[in-house]
Amino acid sequence: MKLMKNVILGASLAISICAMTSAKAAVMLSFSPSSQVASTGDSVSLDLMISGLTAGTADSLGTFDLDVIFDDSRLSLTSYLLTDLLGDSSAFEADDLSLGEYIPGLIGLSLLSYLDIDELDNLQPSSFSLATFNFDVISLEVGQATTVAIDTVFALGDAFGNALTIDSMGEGILRNPAEEVSTPASLGIFILGVLLVMRRKYQLY
């Protein structure tokens, strides 16, 4: 009976350890800055960020394939640059399979690393930019806003080829806020008006 309990306990412990070692950290995809002020004629940059990885060890990122969407009536993509933290594609350490802006307002990004697991673990921090986008603002009038967001994630895998769990996805907001009269200016105008009224009142007496 005691032997059976020990066997069951040992099996339970082994299952728990396997579950712990196979558990994947949830990662977050976001844009930096998450919000910025812009107006018609401006040039802006946005970084697509991944965070939640473990620096120096698993999980590191081995591949990604996703689409980024934006309003092409408000923004024009001028260029983008992929990360080199999955390897240098010009040195055949990674394969850039990106489609670029294959439909107006839709950017296809895809990168596959050929580096081994230890190289990726040592190369990547816990958070880094997957891509940097440069846009020209075509039309963004006062009071208007537009967003750059992730449309679809087709693949996001670790160095072993296992799928990573996505905990959250953020967006980048460009806004042209309405102009506001500052409080000191408003107060000054009010005081000036009061003084003029008082001066006129005293002139009547």
Protein backbone atom coordinates (compact mmCIF):
# COMPACT_ATOMS: atom_id res chain seq x y z
CA MET A 1 0.00 0.00 0.00
CA LYS A 2 2.81 2.37 0.94
CA LEU A 3 4.65 1.46 -2.28
CA MET A 4 1.52 2.21 -4.33
CA LYS A 5 1.17 5.63 -2.67
CA ASN A 6 4.82 6.42 -3.43
CA VAL A 7 4.32 5.42 -7.08
CA ILE A 8 1.22 7.61 -7.38
CA LEU A 9 2.99 10.50 -5.64
CA GLY A 10 6.01 10.14 -7.93
CA ALA A 11 3.83 10.04 -11.04
CA SER A 12 1.89 13.11 -9.91
CA LEU A 13 5.14 14.96 -9.27
CA ALA A 14 6.49 14.02 -12.70
CA ILE A 15 3.29 15.23 -14.38
CA SER A 16 3.46 18.50 -12.46
CA ILE A 17 7.09 19.06 -13.46
CA CYS A 18 6.31 18.33 -17.12
CA ALA A 19 3.38 20.73 -17.02
CA MET A 20 5.57 23.44 -15.48
CA THR A 21 8.40 23.03 -17.99
CA SER A 22 6.05 22.93 -20.99
CA ALA A 23 4.01 25.95 -19.89
CA LYS A 24 4.44 28.94 -22.19
CA ALA A 25 4.72 32.49 -20.99
CA ALA A 26 1.99 34.69 -22.49
CA VAL A 27 3.40 37.43 -24.69
CA MET A 28 2.03 40.86 -25.52
CA LEU A 29 2.04 42.64 -28.87
CA SER A 30 1.76 46.41 -28.84
CA PHE A 31 2.77 49.62 -30.59
CA SER A 32 5.17 52.21 -29.27
CA PRO A 33 4.27 54.95 -28.76
CA SER A 34 0.74 53.78 -28.05
CA SER A 35 -0.52 57.33 -28.63
CA GLN A 36 1.02 60.37 -30.28
CA VAL A 37 -0.03 63.76 -31.62
CA ALA A 38 0.10 64.24 -35.40
CA SER A 39 -1.47 66.39 -38.09
CA THR A 40 -1.70 66.53 -41.89
CA GLY A 41 1.75 66.68 -43.48
CA ASP A 42 3.62 65.12 -40.53
CA SER A 43 5.94 62.10 -40.74
CA VAL A 44 5.58 59.61 -37.88
CA SER A 45 7.21 56.36 -36.76
CA LEU A 46 5.72 53.42 -34.86
CA ASP A 47 7.40 50.32 -33.41
CA LEU A 48 5.57 46.99 -33.27
CA MET A 49 6.71 45.55 -29.94
CA ILE A 50 6.72 42.07 -28.41
CA SER A 51 7.11 41.67 -24.65
CA GLY A 52 6.77 38.90 -22.09
CA LEU A 53 9.66 36.77 -23.35
CA THR A 54 12.40 35.57 -21.00
CA ALA A 55 15.78 37.18 -21.62
CA GLY A 56 18.69 34.75 -21.95
CA THR A 57 16.59 31.60 -21.95
CA ALA A 58 13.37 30.06 -23.32
CA ASP A 59 10.95 31.33 -24.43
CA SER A 60 12.60 33.23 -27.26
CA LEU A 61 10.96 34.15 -30.55
CA GLY A 62 11.74 31.98 -33.57
CA THR A 63 9.16 33.09 -36.12
CA PHE A 64 6.28 35.46 -36.72
CA ASP A 65 3.76 35.96 -39.51
CA LEU A 66 1.15 38.69 -39.13
CA ASP A 67 -0.72 41.52 -40.84
CA VAL A 68 -0.79 45.14 -39.70
CA ILE A 69 -3.70 47.32 -40.79
CA PHE A 70 -4.06 51.11 -41.14
CA ASP A 71 -6.37 53.62 -42.85
CA ASP A 72 -4.71 54.38 -46.18
CA SER A 73 -6.92 57.45 -46.67
CA ARG A 74 -5.17 59.02 -43.66
CA LEU A 75 -1.70 57.44 -43.68
CA SER A 76 0.83 56.47 -46.35
CA LEU A 77 3.48 53.85 -45.56
CA THR A 78 6.88 55.14 -46.68
CA SER A 79 9.09 52.34 -45.31
CA TYR A 80 9.44 49.63 -42.69
CA LEU A 81 12.39 47.81 -41.13
CA LEU A 82 12.30 44.35 -39.55
CA THR A 83 14.21 43.34 -36.43
CA ASP A 84 17.58 41.59 -36.67
CA LEU A 85 17.04 39.82 -33.32
CA LEU A 86 15.89 36.68 -35.14
CA GLY A 87 19.06 36.75 -37.22
CA ASP A 88 20.50 38.70 -40.13
CA SER A 89 18.48 37.86 -43.24
CA SER A 90 21.26 39.19 -45.50
CA ALA A 91 23.61 36.62 -43.93
CA PHE A 92 21.04 33.79 -44.31
CA GLU A 93 20.49 33.62 -40.54
CA ALA A 94 16.79 34.35 -41.10
CA ASP A 95 14.35 34.34 -43.99
CA ASP A 96 12.30 37.48 -44.65
CA LEU A 97 9.04 36.26 -46.20
CA SER A 98 7.20 39.58 -45.80
CA LEU A 99 4.77 40.76 -48.45
CA GLY A 100 4.98 44.44 -47.50
CA GLU A 101 1.88 46.52 -48.28
CA TYR A 102 0.27 43.91 -50.51
CA ILE A 103 -3.16 45.56 -50.25
CA PRO A 104 -3.60 49.30 -49.60
CA GLY A 105 -3.66 49.68 -45.82
CA LEU A 106 -2.52 46.11 -45.10
CA ILE A 107 1.12 45.18 -44.37
CA GLY A 108 2.22 41.54 -44.37
CA LEU A 109 5.21 40.78 -42.13
CA SER A 110 6.83 37.33 -41.91
CA LEU A 111 10.23 36.31 -40.56
CA LEU A 112 11.68 32.85 -39.89
CA SER A 113 14.90 32.39 -37.91
CA TYR A 114 17.55 29.79 -38.82
CA LEU A 115 19.58 30.40 -35.65
CA ASP A 116 19.77 27.62 -33.08
CA ILE A 117 17.96 27.83 -29.77
CA ASP A 118 20.94 28.96 -27.68
CA GLU A 119 21.77 31.74 -30.14
CA LEU A 120 18.23 33.09 -30.04
CA ASP A 121 18.05 32.85 -26.25
CA ASN A 122 21.28 34.80 -25.88
CA LEU A 123 20.38 37.34 -28.57
CA GLN A 124 16.91 38.42 -27.47
CA PRO A 125 15.86 40.59 -24.51
CA SER A 126 12.46 40.14 -22.87
CA SER A 127 11.00 42.97 -24.96
CA PHE A 128 12.00 44.29 -28.37
CA SER A 129 10.70 45.79 -31.62
CA LEU A 130 9.61 43.37 -34.34
CA ALA A 131 9.36 46.14 -36.93
CA THR A 132 9.55 49.91 -37.28
CA PHE A 133 7.03 51.63 -39.57
CA ASN A 134 7.40 55.09 -41.10
CA PHE A 135 4.25 56.88 -42.27
CA ASP A 136 3.37 60.19 -43.88
CA VAL A 137 0.13 61.68 -42.56
CA ILE A 138 -2.08 62.37 -45.59
CA SER A 139 -5.11 63.73 -43.79
CA LEU A 140 -5.66 64.21 -40.07
CA GLU A 141 -7.56 67.38 -39.26
CA VAL A 142 -8.18 68.93 -35.85
CA GLY A 143 -10.30 66.62 -33.70
CA GLN A 144 -9.59 63.53 -35.81
CA ALA A 145 -7.72 60.32 -34.91
CA THR A 146 -6.58 57.16 -36.69
CA THR A 147 -5.09 53.84 -35.57
CA VAL A 148 -2.47 51.35 -36.66
CA ALA A 149 -3.31 47.86 -35.40
CA ILE A 150 -2.62 44.15 -35.78
CA ASP A 151 -5.19 42.64 -38.12
CA THR A 152 -4.35 38.91 -38.06
CA VAL A 153 -1.63 36.79 -36.44
CA PHE A 154 -1.02 33.75 -38.63
CA ALA A 155 1.97 32.43 -36.65
CA LEU A 156 3.97 33.36 -33.57
CA GLY A 157 6.37 30.66 -32.47
CA ASP A 158 9.25 30.08 -30.07
CA ALA A 159 12.71 28.74 -30.93
CA PHE A 160 11.36 25.15 -30.81
CA GLY A 161 8.59 25.93 -33.28
CA ASN A 162 5.88 25.82 -30.60
CA ALA A 163 3.10 28.41 -30.75
CA LEU A 164 3.34 31.25 -28.22
CA THR A 165 0.23 32.34 -26.38
CA ILE A 166 -0.77 35.96 -26.99
CA ASP A 167 -2.05 37.63 -23.83
CA SER A 168 -2.97 40.99 -25.38
CA MET A 169 -2.63 43.11 -28.51
CA GLY A 170 -2.51 46.90 -28.43
CA GLU A 171 -2.72 49.55 -31.14
CA GLY A 172 -0.99 52.78 -32.04
CA ILE A 173 -3.22 55.86 -32.03
CA LEU A 174 -2.46 59.06 -33.93
CA ARG A 175 -4.62 61.99 -32.91
CA ASN A 176 -4.91 65.65 -33.80
CA PRO A 177 -6.49 67.10 -30.65
CA ALA A 178 -8.88 70.04 -30.71
CA GLU A 179 -7.22 73.33 -29.86
CA GLU A 180 -8.06 74.59 -26.40
CA VAL A 181 -7.76 78.10 -25.00
CA SER A 182 -5.39 77.89 -22.05
CA THR A 183 -6.74 78.67 -18.58
CA PRO A 184 -4.30 81.58 -17.89
CA ALA A 185 -5.35 83.24 -21.17
CA SER A 186 -9.05 82.84 -20.37
CA LEU A 187 -8.54 84.25 -16.87
CA GLY A 188 -6.60 87.19 -18.23
CA ILE A 189 -9.38 88.06 -20.68
CA PHE A 190 -11.96 87.83 -17.87
CA ILE A 191 -9.97 90.15 -15.56
CA LEU A 192 -9.42 92.65 -18.35
CA GLY A 193 -13.16 92.70 -19.03
CA VAL A 194 -13.95 93.31 -15.33
CA LEU A 195 -11.45 96.20 -15.16
CA LEU A 196 -12.93 97.85 -18.24
CA VAL A 197 -16.44 97.60 -16.78
CA MET A 198 -15.27 99.06 -13.43
CA ARG A 199 -13.42 101.91 -15.17
CA ARG A 200 -16.50 102.82 -17.17
CA LYS A 201 -18.64 102.68 -14.03
CA TYR A 202 -16.36 105.11 -12.15
CA GLN A 203 -16.28 107.48 -15.14
CA LEU A 204 -20.07 107.81 -14.94
CA TYR A 205 -19.95 109.14 -11.34
